[in-house]
Amino acid sequence: ASILARFGRGQDEEAGQKAIESEHKRPVRGTFEPPPPGIGLTDVAAM
């Protein structure tokens, strides 16, 4: 749900597009995303 809200899914179309464009213009940091919050060692091992 937090990912959907972050990128405008469930909002109106204009707000969603702005969220997507804003995300795409972020400063490049190696251009990768960190692991999702809350995922732990046992989750990764099991998956």
PDB file of all heavy atoms in Angstrom:
ATOM      1  N   ALA A   1       0.826  -1.205   0.000  1.00  0.00           N
ATOM      2  CA  ALA A   1       0.000   0.000   0.000  1.00  0.00           C
ATOM      3  C   ALA A   1       0.862   1.258   0.000  1.00  0.00           C
ATOM      4  O   ALA A   1       0.545   2.246  -0.667  1.00  0.00           O
ATOM      5  CB  ALA A   1      -0.936  -0.006   1.206  1.00  0.00           C
ATOM      6  N   SER A   2       1.962   1.225   0.748  1.00  0.00           N
ATOM      7  CA  SER A   2       2.833   2.401   0.808  1.00  0.00           C
ATOM      8  C   SER A   2       3.499   2.668  -0.536  1.00  0.00           C
ATOM      9  O   SER A   2       3.690   3.815  -0.939  1.00  0.00           O
ATOM     10  CB  SER A   2       3.901   2.220   1.898  1.00  0.00           C
ATOM     11  OG  SER A   2       4.886   1.283   1.511  1.00  0.00           O
ATOM     12  N   ILE A   3       3.852   1.591  -1.261  1.00  0.00           N
ATOM     13  CA  ILE A   3       4.446   1.758  -2.595  1.00  0.00           C
ATOM     14  C   ILE A   3       3.417   2.374  -3.543  1.00  0.00           C
ATOM     15  O   ILE A   3       3.718   3.291  -4.313  1.00  0.00           O
ATOM     16  CB  ILE A   3       4.940   0.412  -3.140  1.00  0.00           C
ATOM     17  CG1 ILE A   3       6.138  -0.088  -2.317  1.00  0.00           C
ATOM     18  CG2 ILE A   3       5.316   0.510  -4.609  1.00  0.00           C
ATOM     19  CD1 ILE A   3       7.386   0.744  -2.484  1.00  0.00           C
ATOM     20  N   LEU A   4       2.178   1.871  -3.489  1.00  0.00           N
ATOM     21  CA  LEU A   4       1.126   2.398  -4.357  1.00  0.00           C
ATOM     22  C   LEU A   4       0.887   3.878  -4.088  1.00  0.00           C
ATOM     23  O   LEU A   4       0.751   4.685  -5.015  1.00  0.00           O
ATOM     24  CB  LEU A   4      -0.165   1.609  -4.155  1.00  0.00           C
ATOM     25  CG  LEU A   4      -0.126   0.140  -4.585  1.00  0.00           C
ATOM     26  CD1 LEU A   4      -1.479  -0.514  -4.305  1.00  0.00           C
ATOM     27  CD2 LEU A   4       0.235   0.006  -6.041  1.00  0.00           C
ATOM     28  N   ALA A   5       0.834   4.233  -2.801  1.00  0.00           N
ATOM     29  CA  ALA A   5       0.601   5.634  -2.442  1.00  0.00           C
ATOM     30  C   ALA A   5       1.768   6.505  -2.899  1.00  0.00           C
ATOM     31  O   ALA A   5       1.586   7.632  -3.370  1.00  0.00           O
ATOM     32  CB  ALA A   5       0.402   5.752  -0.935  1.00  0.00           C
ATOM     33  N   ARG A   6       2.979   5.973  -2.776  1.00  0.00           N
ATOM     34  CA  ARG A   6       4.188   6.723  -3.131  1.00  0.00           C
ATOM     35  C   ARG A   6       4.192   7.104  -4.602  1.00  0.00           C
ATOM     36  O   ARG A   6       4.653   8.171  -4.995  1.00  0.00           O
ATOM     37  CB  ARG A   6       5.414   5.880  -2.799  1.00  0.00           C
ATOM     38  CG  ARG A   6       6.753   6.538  -3.096  1.00  0.00           C
ATOM     39  CD  ARG A   6       7.861   5.594  -2.690  1.00  0.00           C
ATOM     40  NE  ARG A   6       9.159   6.138  -2.972  1.00  0.00           N
ATOM     41  CZ  ARG A   6      10.295   5.476  -2.788  1.00  0.00           C
ATOM     42  NH1 ARG A   6      10.250   4.232  -2.319  1.00  0.00           N
ATOM     43  NH2 ARG A   6      11.445   6.029  -3.083  1.00  0.00           N
ATOM     44  N   PHE A   7       3.666   6.195  -5.445  1.00  0.00           N
ATOM     45  CA  PHE A   7       3.693   6.445  -6.869  1.00  0.00           C
ATOM     46  C   PHE A   7       2.326   6.770  -7.452  1.00  0.00           C
ATOM     47  O   PHE A   7       2.084   6.598  -8.642  1.00  0.00           O
ATOM     48  CB  PHE A   7       4.311   5.248  -7.596  1.00  0.00           C
ATOM     49  CG  PHE A   7       5.743   5.045  -7.250  1.00  0.00           C
ATOM     50  CD1 PHE A   7       6.140   3.930  -6.537  1.00  0.00           C
ATOM     51  CD2 PHE A   7       6.697   5.987  -7.599  1.00  0.00           C
ATOM     52  CE1 PHE A   7       7.465   3.745  -6.199  1.00  0.00           C
ATOM     53  CE2 PHE A   7       8.031   5.815  -7.266  1.00  0.00           C
ATOM     54  CZ  PHE A   7       8.414   4.688  -6.566  1.00  0.00           C
ATOM     55  N   GLY A   8       1.412   7.203  -6.589  1.00  0.00           N
ATOM     56  CA  GLY A   8       0.180   7.772  -7.079  1.00  0.00           C
ATOM     57  C   GLY A   8      -0.940   6.808  -7.394  1.00  0.00           C
ATOM     58  O   GLY A   8      -1.994   7.224  -7.840  1.00  0.00           O
ATOM     59  N   ARG A   9      -0.731   5.503  -7.229  1.00  0.00           N
ATOM     60  CA  ARG A   9      -1.798   4.543  -7.497  1.00  0.00           C
ATOM     61  C   ARG A   9      -2.866   4.706  -6.420  1.00  0.00           C
ATOM     62  O   ARG A   9      -2.567   4.704  -5.235  1.00  0.00           O
ATOM     63  CB  ARG A   9      -1.256   3.120  -7.491  1.00  0.00           C
ATOM     64  CG  ARG A   9      -2.237   2.071  -7.947  1.00  0.00           C
ATOM     65  CD  ARG A   9      -2.608   2.255  -9.417  1.00  0.00           C
ATOM     66  NE  ARG A   9      -1.467   2.131 -10.325  1.00  0.00           N
ATOM     67  CZ  ARG A   9      -1.071   0.991 -10.851  1.00  0.00           C
ATOM     68  NH1 ARG A   9      -1.706  -0.126 -10.559  1.00  0.00           N
ATOM     69  NH2 ARG A   9      -0.051   0.966 -11.686  1.00  0.00           N
ATOM     70  N   GLY A  10      -4.094   4.869  -6.836  1.00  0.00           N
ATOM     71  CA  GLY A  10      -5.172   5.093  -5.870  1.00  0.00           C
ATOM     72  C   GLY A  10      -5.464   6.572  -5.698  1.00  0.00           C
ATOM     73  O   GLY A  10      -6.432   6.961  -5.086  1.00  0.00           O
ATOM     74  N   GLN A  11      -4.583   7.457  -6.274  1.00  0.00           N
ATOM     75  CA  GLN A  11      -4.851   8.884  -6.267  1.00  0.00           C
ATOM     76  C   GLN A  11      -5.440   9.261  -7.622  1.00  0.00           C
ATOM     77  O   GLN A  11      -5.623   8.431  -8.499  1.00  0.00           O
ATOM     78  CB  GLN A  11      -3.554   9.658  -6.020  1.00  0.00           C
ATOM     79  CG  GLN A  11      -2.816   9.241  -4.752  1.00  0.00           C
ATOM     80  CD  GLN A  11      -1.471   9.940  -4.659  1.00  0.00           C
ATOM     81  OE1 GLN A  11      -1.247  10.949  -5.303  1.00  0.00           O
ATOM     82  NE2 GLN A  11      -0.587   9.386  -3.867  1.00  0.00           N
ATOM     83  N   ASP A  12      -5.683  10.566  -7.838  1.00  0.00           N
ATOM     84  CA  ASP A  12      -6.141  10.951  -9.165  1.00  0.00           C
ATOM     85  C   ASP A  12      -4.971  10.871 -10.146  1.00  0.00           C
ATOM     86  O   ASP A  12      -3.814  10.849  -9.774  1.00  0.00           O
ATOM     87  CB  ASP A  12      -6.736  12.371  -9.130  1.00  0.00           C
ATOM     88  CG  ASP A  12      -5.689  13.412  -8.753  1.00  0.00           C
ATOM     89  OD1 ASP A  12      -4.910  13.796  -9.635  1.00  0.00           O
ATOM     90  OD2 ASP A  12      -5.657  13.802  -7.568  1.00  0.00           O
ATOM     91  N   GLU A  13      -5.279  10.824 -11.406  1.00  0.00           N
ATOM     92  CA  GLU A  13      -4.273  10.559 -12.428  1.00  0.00           C
ATOM     93  C   GLU A  13      -3.179  11.608 -12.427  1.00  0.00           C
ATOM     94  O   GLU A  13      -1.996  11.310 -12.557  1.00  0.00           O
ATOM     95  CB  GLU A  13      -4.956  10.522 -13.798  1.00  0.00           C
ATOM     96  CG  GLU A  13      -4.594   9.289 -14.608  1.00  0.00           C
ATOM     97  CD  GLU A  13      -5.346   9.247 -15.901  1.00  0.00           C
ATOM     98  OE1 GLU A  13      -4.874   9.837 -16.881  1.00  0.00           O
ATOM     99  OE2 GLU A  13      -6.418   8.624 -15.910  1.00  0.00           O
ATOM    100  N   GLU A  14      -3.548  12.880 -12.268  1.00  0.00           N
ATOM    101  CA  GLU A  14      -2.561  13.962 -12.312  1.00  0.00           C
ATOM    102  C   GLU A  14      -1.584  13.856 -11.146  1.00  0.00           C
ATOM    103  O   GLU A  14      -0.370  13.989 -11.321  1.00  0.00           O
ATOM    104  CB  GLU A  14      -3.279  15.318 -12.275  1.00  0.00           C
ATOM    105  CG  GLU A  14      -2.320  16.489 -12.391  1.00  0.00           C
ATOM    106  CD  GLU A  14      -3.061  17.831 -12.371  1.00  0.00           C
ATOM    107  OE1 GLU A  14      -4.319  17.804 -12.409  1.00  0.00           O
ATOM    108  OE2 GLU A  14      -2.389  18.862 -12.313  1.00  0.00           O
ATOM    109  N   ALA A  15      -2.126  13.564  -9.945  1.00  0.00           N
ATOM    110  CA  ALA A  15      -1.254  13.429  -8.775  1.00  0.00           C
ATOM    111  C   ALA A  15      -0.317  12.242  -8.937  1.00  0.00           C
ATOM    112  O   ALA A  15       0.861  12.292  -8.558  1.00  0.00           O
ATOM    113  CB  ALA A  15      -2.099  13.268  -7.517  1.00  0.00           C
ATOM    114  N   GLY A  16      -0.855  11.174  -9.501  1.00  0.00           N
ATOM    115  CA  GLY A  16      -0.033   9.994  -9.712  1.00  0.00           C
ATOM    116  C   GLY A  16       1.106  10.266 -10.674  1.00  0.00           C
ATOM    117  O   GLY A  16       2.244   9.858 -10.446  1.00  0.00           O
ATOM    118  N   GLN A  17       0.808  10.982 -11.759  1.00  0.00           N
ATOM    119  CA  GLN A  17       1.852  11.270 -12.744  1.00  0.00           C
ATOM    120  C   GLN A  17       2.925  12.170 -12.143  1.00  0.00           C
ATOM    121  O   GLN A  17       4.123  11.991 -12.407  1.00  0.00           O
ATOM    122  CB  GLN A  17       1.222  11.925 -13.975  1.00  0.00           C
ATOM    123  CG  GLN A  17       2.205  12.152 -15.120  1.00  0.00           C
ATOM    124  CD  GLN A  17       2.832  10.865 -15.598  1.00  0.00           C
ATOM    125  OE1 GLN A  17       2.175   9.825 -15.628  1.00  0.00           O
ATOM    126  NE2 GLN A  17       4.108  10.913 -15.943  1.00  0.00           N
ATOM    127  N   LYS A  18       2.515  13.130 -11.317  1.00  0.00           N
ATOM    128  CA  LYS A  18       3.495  14.008 -10.674  1.00  0.00           C
ATOM    129  C   LYS A  18       4.410  13.220  -9.744  1.00  0.00           C
ATOM    130  O   LYS A  18       5.611  13.476  -9.671  1.00  0.00           O
ATOM    131  CB  LYS A  18       2.774  15.106  -9.888  1.00  0.00           C
ATOM    132  CG  LYS A  18       2.170  16.187 -10.772  1.00  0.00           C
ATOM    133  CD  LYS A  18       1.503  17.273  -9.929  1.00  0.00           C
ATOM    134  CE  LYS A  18       0.930  18.374 -10.829  1.00  0.00           C
ATOM    135  NZ  LYS A  18       0.240  19.424 -10.030  1.00  0.00           N
ATOM    136  N   ALA A  19       3.817  12.251  -9.022  1.00  0.00           N
ATOM    137  CA  ALA A  19       4.632  11.430  -8.120  1.00  0.00           C
ATOM    138  C   ALA A  19       5.656  10.623  -8.902  1.00  0.00           C
ATOM    139  O   ALA A  19       6.813  10.487  -8.499  1.00  0.00           O
ATOM    140  CB  ALA A  19       3.723  10.495  -7.316  1.00  0.00           C
ATOM    141  N   ILE A  20       5.225  10.077 -10.051  1.00  0.00           N
ATOM    142  CA  ILE A  20       6.130   9.282 -10.881  1.00  0.00           C
ATOM    143  C   ILE A  20       7.247  10.157 -11.436  1.00  0.00           C
ATOM    144  O   ILE A  20       8.423   9.801 -11.406  1.00  0.00           O
ATOM    145  CB  ILE A  20       5.345   8.614 -12.031  1.00  0.00           C
ATOM    146  CG1 ILE A  20       4.448   7.520 -11.456  1.00  0.00           C
ATOM    147  CG2 ILE A  20       6.271   8.038 -13.083  1.00  0.00           C
ATOM    148  CD1 ILE A  20       3.470   6.951 -12.455  1.00  0.00           C
ATOM    149  N   GLU A  21       6.884  11.361 -11.940  1.00  0.00           N
ATOM    150  CA  GLU A  21       7.892  12.245 -12.509  1.00  0.00           C
ATOM    151  C   GLU A  21       8.878  12.713 -11.446  1.00  0.00           C
ATOM    152  O   GLU A  21      10.080  12.800 -11.677  1.00  0.00           O
ATOM    153  CB  GLU A  21       7.208  13.458 -13.151  1.00  0.00           C
ATOM    154  CG  GLU A  21       6.422  13.086 -14.412  1.00  0.00           C
ATOM    155  CD  GLU A  21       5.591  14.239 -14.916  1.00  0.00           C
ATOM    156  OE1 GLU A  21       5.586  15.304 -14.240  1.00  0.00           O
ATOM    157  OE2 GLU A  21       4.947  14.100 -15.983  1.00  0.00           O
ATOM    158  N   SER A  22       8.355  12.994 -10.253  1.00  0.00           N
ATOM    159  CA  SER A  22       9.222  13.410  -9.152  1.00  0.00           C
ATOM    160  C   SER A  22      10.208  12.311  -8.785  1.00  0.00           C
ATOM    161  O   SER A  22      11.394  12.565  -8.558  1.00  0.00           O
ATOM    162  CB  SER A  22       8.365  13.778  -7.931  1.00  0.00           C
ATOM    163  OG  SER A  22       9.180  14.035  -6.823  1.00  0.00           O
ATOM    164  N   GLU A  23       9.725  11.076  -8.736  1.00  0.00           N
ATOM    165  CA  GLU A  23      10.595   9.945  -8.402  1.00  0.00           C
ATOM    166  C   GLU A  23      11.688   9.780  -9.460  1.00  0.00           C
ATOM    167  O   GLU A  23      12.839   9.523  -9.148  1.00  0.00           O
ATOM    168  CB  GLU A  23       9.758   8.665  -8.316  1.00  0.00           C
ATOM    169  CG  GLU A  23      10.546   7.421  -7.968  1.00  0.00           C
ATOM    170  CD  GLU A  23      11.076   7.438  -6.554  1.00  0.00           C
ATOM    171  OE1 GLU A  23      10.597   8.251  -5.743  1.00  0.00           O
ATOM    172  OE2 GLU A  23      12.001   6.655  -6.261  1.00  0.00           O
ATOM    173  N   HIS A  24      11.310   9.968 -10.705  1.00  0.00           N
ATOM    174  CA  HIS A  24      12.272   9.764 -11.798  1.00  0.00           C
ATOM    175  C   HIS A  24      13.361  10.840 -11.803  1.00  0.00           C
ATOM    176  O   HIS A  24      14.466  10.603 -12.299  1.00  0.00           O
ATOM    177  CB  HIS A  24      11.523   9.758 -13.123  1.00  0.00           C
ATOM    178  CG  HIS A  24      12.362   9.335 -14.288  1.00  0.00           C
ATOM    179  ND1 HIS A  24      13.210   8.240 -14.228  1.00  0.00           N
ATOM    180  CD2 HIS A  24      12.492   9.863 -15.544  1.00  0.00           C
ATOM    181  CE1 HIS A  24      13.823   8.102 -15.397  1.00  0.00           C
ATOM    182  NE2 HIS A  24      13.407   9.075 -16.199  1.00  0.00           N
ATOM    183  N   LYS A  25      13.067  12.029 -11.227  1.00  0.00           N
ATOM    184  CA  LYS A  25      14.037  13.121 -11.231  1.00  0.00           C
ATOM    185  C   LYS A  25      14.903  13.166  -9.993  1.00  0.00           C
ATOM    186  O   LYS A  25      15.697  14.079  -9.809  1.00  0.00           O
ATOM    187  CB  LYS A  25      13.272  14.457 -11.359  1.00  0.00           C
ATOM    188  CG  LYS A  25      12.592  14.635 -12.719  1.00  0.00           C
ATOM    189  CD  LYS A  25      11.782  15.915 -12.756  1.00  0.00           C
ATOM    190  CE  LYS A  25      11.073  16.064 -14.098  1.00  0.00           C
ATOM    191  NZ  LYS A  25      10.224  17.283 -14.113  1.00  0.00           N
ATOM    192  N   ARG A  26      14.770  12.180  -9.124  1.00  0.00           N
ATOM    193  CA  ARG A  26      15.585  12.178  -7.910  1.00  0.00           C
ATOM    194  C   ARG A  26      17.062  12.152  -8.255  1.00  0.00           C
ATOM    195  O   ARG A  26      17.450  11.601  -9.287  1.00  0.00           O
ATOM    196  CB  ARG A  26      15.271  10.958  -7.039  1.00  0.00           C
ATOM    197  CG  ARG A  26      13.953  11.022  -6.338  1.00  0.00           C
ATOM    198  CD  ARG A  26      13.724   9.770  -5.549  1.00  0.00           C
ATOM    199  NE  ARG A  26      14.008   8.602  -6.383  1.00  0.00           N
ATOM    200  CZ  ARG A  26      14.392   7.432  -5.920  1.00  0.00           C
ATOM    201  NH1 ARG A  26      14.586   7.260  -4.647  1.00  0.00           N
ATOM    202  NH2 ARG A  26      14.615   6.422  -6.750  1.00  0.00           N
ATOM    203  N   PRO A  27      17.921  12.682  -7.370  1.00  0.00           N
ATOM    204  CA  PRO A  27      19.366  12.594  -7.614  1.00  0.00           C
ATOM    205  C   PRO A  27      19.791  11.135  -7.735  1.00  0.00           C
ATOM    206  O   PRO A  27      19.313  10.272  -7.006  1.00  0.00           O
ATOM    207  CB  PRO A  27      19.971  13.237  -6.357  1.00  0.00           C
ATOM    208  CG  PRO A  27      18.894  14.106  -5.807  1.00  0.00           C
ATOM    209  CD  PRO A  27      17.605  13.426  -6.152  1.00  0.00           C
ATOM    210  N   VAL A  28      20.683  10.859  -8.689  1.00  0.00           N
ATOM    211  CA  VAL A  28      21.157   9.498  -8.904  1.00  0.00           C
ATOM    212  C   VAL A  28      22.077   9.095  -7.763  1.00  0.00           C
ATOM    213  O   VAL A  28      22.986   9.821  -7.387  1.00  0.00           O
ATOM    214  CB  VAL A  28      21.899   9.384 -10.253  1.00  0.00           C
ATOM    215  CG1 VAL A  28      22.538   8.011 -10.389  1.00  0.00           C
ATOM    216  CG2 VAL A  28      20.949   9.660 -11.401  1.00  0.00           C
ATOM    217  N   ARG A  29      21.847   7.924  -7.201  1.00  0.00           N
ATOM    218  CA  ARG A  29      22.687   7.413  -6.114  1.00  0.00           C
ATOM    219  C   ARG A  29      23.041   5.979  -6.479  1.00  0.00           C
ATOM    220  O   ARG A  29      22.584   5.024  -5.875  1.00  0.00           O
ATOM    221  CB  ARG A  29      21.912   7.444  -4.803  1.00  0.00           C
ATOM    222  CG  ARG A  29      22.732   7.053  -3.587  1.00  0.00           C
ATOM    223  CD  ARG A  29      21.827   6.801  -2.415  1.00  0.00           C
ATOM    224  NE  ARG A  29      20.818   5.802  -2.746  1.00  0.00           N
ATOM    225  CZ  ARG A  29      19.634   5.724  -2.168  1.00  0.00           C
ATOM    226  NH1 ARG A  29      19.280   6.580  -1.260  1.00  0.00           N
ATOM    227  NH2 ARG A  29      18.774   4.777  -2.506  1.00  0.00           N
ATOM    228  N   GLY A  30      23.859   5.855  -7.548  1.00  0.00           N
ATOM    229  CA  GLY A  30      24.109   4.504  -8.004  1.00  0.00           C
ATOM    230  C   GLY A  30      22.906   3.948  -8.747  1.00  0.00           C
ATOM    231  O   GLY A  30      22.933   2.834  -9.223  1.00  0.00           O
ATOM    232  N   THR A  31      21.834   4.729  -8.847  1.00  0.00           N
ATOM    233  CA  THR A  31      20.585   4.383  -9.535  1.00  0.00           C
ATOM    234  C   THR A  31      20.035   3.024  -9.128  1.00  0.00           C
ATOM    235  O   THR A  31      19.714   2.187  -9.960  1.00  0.00           O
ATOM    236  CB  THR A  31      20.758   4.430 -11.069  1.00  0.00           C
ATOM    237  OG1 THR A  31      21.753   3.478 -11.460  1.00  0.00           O
ATOM    238  CG2 THR A  31      21.139   5.812 -11.532  1.00  0.00           C
ATOM    239  N   PHE A  32      19.968   2.754  -7.839  1.00  0.00           N
ATOM    240  CA  PHE A  32      19.282   1.550  -7.361  1.00  0.00           C
ATOM    241  C   PHE A  32      18.509   1.886  -6.103  1.00  0.00           C
ATOM    242  O   PHE A  32      18.792   2.864  -5.417  1.00  0.00           O
ATOM    243  CB  PHE A  32      20.265   0.404  -7.086  1.00  0.00           C
ATOM    244  CG  PHE A  32      21.290   0.707  -6.029  1.00  0.00           C
ATOM    245  CD1 PHE A  32      20.997   0.514  -4.686  1.00  0.00           C
ATOM    246  CD2 PHE A  32      22.555   1.178  -6.368  1.00  0.00           C
ATOM    247  CE1 PHE A  32      21.930   0.794  -3.695  1.00  0.00           C
ATOM    248  CE2 PHE A  32      23.495   1.452  -5.390  1.00  0.00           C
ATOM    249  CZ  PHE A  32      23.192   1.258  -4.053  1.00  0.00           C
ATOM    250  N   GLU A  33      17.505   1.057  -5.833  1.00  0.00           N
ATOM    251  CA  GLU A  33      16.664   1.247  -4.658  1.00  0.00           C
ATOM    252  C   GLU A  33      17.162   0.371  -3.510  1.00  0.00           C
ATOM    253  O   GLU A  33      17.637  -0.753  -3.746  1.00  0.00           O
ATOM    254  CB  GLU A  33      15.214   0.870  -4.976  1.00  0.00           C
ATOM    255  CG  GLU A  33      14.538   1.779  -5.987  1.00  0.00           C
ATOM    256  CD  GLU A  33      14.255   3.148  -5.428  1.00  0.00           C
ATOM    257  OE1 GLU A  33      14.099   3.262  -4.194  1.00  0.00           O
ATOM    258  OE2 GLU A  33      14.202   4.105  -6.211  1.00  0.00           O
ATOM    259  N   PRO A  34      17.051   0.841  -2.270  1.00  0.00           N
ATOM    260  CA  PRO A  34      17.391  -0.023  -1.136  1.00  0.00           C
ATOM    261  C   PRO A  34      16.323  -1.080  -0.947  1.00  0.00           C
ATOM    262  O   PRO A  34      15.231  -0.971  -1.519  1.00  0.00           O
ATOM    263  CB  PRO A  34      17.406   0.957   0.046  1.00  0.00           C
ATOM    264  CG  PRO A  34      16.429   2.020  -0.345  1.00  0.00           C
ATOM    265  CD  PRO A  34      16.596   2.177  -1.842  1.00  0.00           C
ATOM    266  N   PRO A  35      16.602  -2.137  -0.178  1.00  0.00           N
ATOM    267  CA  PRO A  35      15.567  -3.147   0.105  1.00  0.00           C
ATOM    268  C   PRO A  35      14.375  -2.499   0.791  1.00  0.00           C
ATOM    269  O   PRO A  35      14.505  -1.455   1.440  1.00  0.00           O
ATOM    270  CB  PRO A  35      16.273  -4.133   1.045  1.00  0.00           C
ATOM    271  CG  PRO A  35      17.727  -3.913   0.810  1.00  0.00           C
ATOM    272  CD  PRO A  35      17.868  -2.457   0.483  1.00  0.00           C
ATOM    273  N   PRO A  36      13.213  -3.082   0.663  1.00  0.00           N
ATOM    274  CA  PRO A  36      12.017  -2.508   1.298  1.00  0.00           C
ATOM    275  C   PRO A  36      12.140  -2.496   2.805  1.00  0.00           C
ATOM    276  O   PRO A  36      12.767  -3.380   3.392  1.00  0.00           O
ATOM    277  CB  PRO A  36      10.885  -3.445   0.847  1.00  0.00           C
ATOM    278  CG  PRO A  36      11.570  -4.706   0.457  1.00  0.00           C
ATOM    279  CD  PRO A  36      12.914  -4.317  -0.062  1.00  0.00           C
ATOM    280  N   PRO A  37      11.564  -1.514   3.467  1.00  0.00           N
ATOM    281  CA  PRO A  37      11.631  -1.456   4.931  1.00  0.00           C
ATOM    282  C   PRO A  37      10.907  -2.634   5.563  1.00  0.00           C
ATOM    283  O   PRO A  37       9.874  -3.086   5.066  1.00  0.00           O
ATOM    284  CB  PRO A  37      10.906  -0.131   5.261  1.00  0.00           C
ATOM    285  CG  PRO A  37      10.031   0.134   4.074  1.00  0.00           C
ATOM    286  CD  PRO A  37      10.778  -0.411   2.895  1.00  0.00           C
ATOM    287  N   GLY A  38      11.483  -3.145   6.642  1.00  0.00           N
ATOM    288  CA  GLY A  38      10.831  -4.238   7.368  1.00  0.00           C
ATOM    289  C   GLY A  38      11.273  -5.614   6.958  1.00  0.00           C
ATOM    290  O   GLY A  38      10.942  -6.599   7.623  1.00  0.00           O
ATOM    291  N   ILE A  39      12.017  -5.746   5.870  1.00  0.00           N
ATOM    292  CA  ILE A  39      12.467  -7.066   5.453  1.00  0.00           C
ATOM    293  C   ILE A  39      13.767  -7.396   6.189  1.00  0.00           C
ATOM    294  O   ILE A  39      14.701  -6.599   6.211  1.00  0.00           O
ATOM    295  CB  ILE A  39      12.655  -7.149   3.925  1.00  0.00           C
ATOM    296  CG1 ILE A  39      13.002  -8.572   3.510  1.00  0.00           C
ATOM    297  CG2 ILE A  39      13.721  -6.189   3.423  1.00  0.00           C
ATOM    298  CD1 ILE A  39      12.966  -8.791   2.012  1.00  0.00           C
ATOM    299  N   GLY A  40      13.790  -8.550   6.845  1.00  0.00           N
ATOM    300  CA  GLY A  40      14.920  -8.922   7.684  1.00  0.00           C
ATOM    301  C   GLY A  40      15.732 -10.066   7.122  1.00  0.00           C
ATOM    302  O   GLY A  40      15.439 -10.612   6.053  1.00  0.00           O
ATOM    303  N   LEU A  41      16.750 -10.457   7.895  1.00  0.00           N
ATOM    304  CA  LEU A  41      17.641 -11.539   7.487  1.00  0.00           C
ATOM    305  C   LEU A  41      16.879 -12.836   7.236  1.00  0.00           C
ATOM    306  O   LEU A  41      17.100 -13.522   6.230  1.00  0.00           O
ATOM    307  CB  LEU A  41      18.704 -11.761   8.577  1.00  0.00           C
ATOM    308  CG  LEU A  41      19.580 -13.002   8.434  1.00  0.00           C
ATOM    309  CD1 LEU A  41      20.426 -12.907   7.174  1.00  0.00           C
ATOM    310  CD2 LEU A  41      20.471 -13.179   9.668  1.00  0.00           C
ATOM    311  N   THR A  42      15.977 -13.188   8.146  1.00  0.00           N
ATOM    312  CA  THR A  42      15.249 -14.454   7.984  1.00  0.00           C
ATOM    313  C   THR A  42      14.330 -14.421   6.772  1.00  0.00           C
ATOM    314  O   THR A  42      14.127 -15.448   6.114  1.00  0.00           O
ATOM    315  CB  THR A  42      14.430 -14.775   9.248  1.00  0.00           C
ATOM    316  OG1 THR A  42      13.531 -13.696   9.521  1.00  0.00           O
ATOM    317  CG2 THR A  42      15.344 -14.975  10.448  1.00  0.00           C
ATOM    318  N   ASP A  43      13.761 -13.235   6.468  1.00  0.00           N
ATOM    319  CA  ASP A  43      12.908 -13.115   5.278  1.00  0.00           C
ATOM    320  C   ASP A  43      13.710 -13.392   4.009  1.00  0.00           C
ATOM    321  O   ASP A  43      13.289 -14.141   3.135  1.00  0.00           O
ATOM    322  CB  ASP A  43      12.290 -11.712   5.197  1.00  0.00           C
ATOM    323  CG  ASP A  43      11.376 -11.405   6.356  1.00  0.00           C
ATOM    324  OD1 ASP A  43      10.518 -12.242   6.666  1.00  0.00           O
ATOM    325  OD2 ASP A  43      11.524 -10.332   6.959  1.00  0.00           O
ATOM    326  N   VAL A  44      14.882 -12.751   3.926  1.00  0.00           N
ATOM    327  CA  VAL A  44      15.721 -12.917   2.739  1.00  0.00           C
ATOM    328  C   VAL A  44      16.179 -14.369   2.610  1.00  0.00           C
ATOM    329  O   VAL A  44      16.140 -14.959   1.523  1.00  0.00           O
ATOM    330  CB  VAL A  44      16.935 -11.974   2.794  1.00  0.00           C
ATOM    331  CG1 VAL A  44      17.889 -12.267   1.637  1.00  0.00           C
ATOM    332  CG2 VAL A  44      16.481 -10.524   2.733  1.00  0.00           C
ATOM    333  N   ALA A  45      16.628 -14.953   3.726  1.00  0.00           N
ATOM    334  CA  ALA A  45      17.103 -16.344   3.701  1.00  0.00           C
ATOM    335  C   ALA A  45      15.997 -17.293   3.250  1.00  0.00           C
ATOM    336  O   ALA A  45      16.213 -18.169   2.411  1.00  0.00           O
ATOM    337  CB  ALA A  45      17.623 -16.741   5.079  1.00  0.00           C
ATOM    338  N   ALA A  46      14.802 -17.111   3.813  1.00  0.00           N
ATOM    339  CA  ALA A  46      13.691 -18.003   3.486  1.00  0.00           C
ATOM    340  C   ALA A  46      13.256 -17.839   2.034  1.00  0.00           C
ATOM    341  O   ALA A  46      12.990 -18.823   1.333  1.00  0.00           O
ATOM    342  CB  ALA A  46      12.515 -17.734   4.426  1.00  0.00           C
ATOM    343  N   MET A  47      13.178 -16.596   1.557  1.00  0.00           N
ATOM    344  CA  MET A  47      12.764 -16.351   0.179  1.00  0.00           C
ATOM    345  C   MET A  47      13.789 -16.896  -0.812  1.00  0.00           C
ATOM    346  O   MET A  47      13.433 -17.454  -1.859  1.00  0.00           O
ATOM    347  CB  MET A  47      12.535 -14.856  -0.037  1.00  0.00           C
ATOM    348  CG  MET A  47      11.309 -14.316   0.683  1.00  0.00           C
ATOM    349  SD  MET A  47      11.323 -12.512   0.823  1.00  0.00           S
ATOM    350  CE  MET A  47      11.295 -12.034  -0.887  1.00  0.00           C
TER     351      MET A  47
END
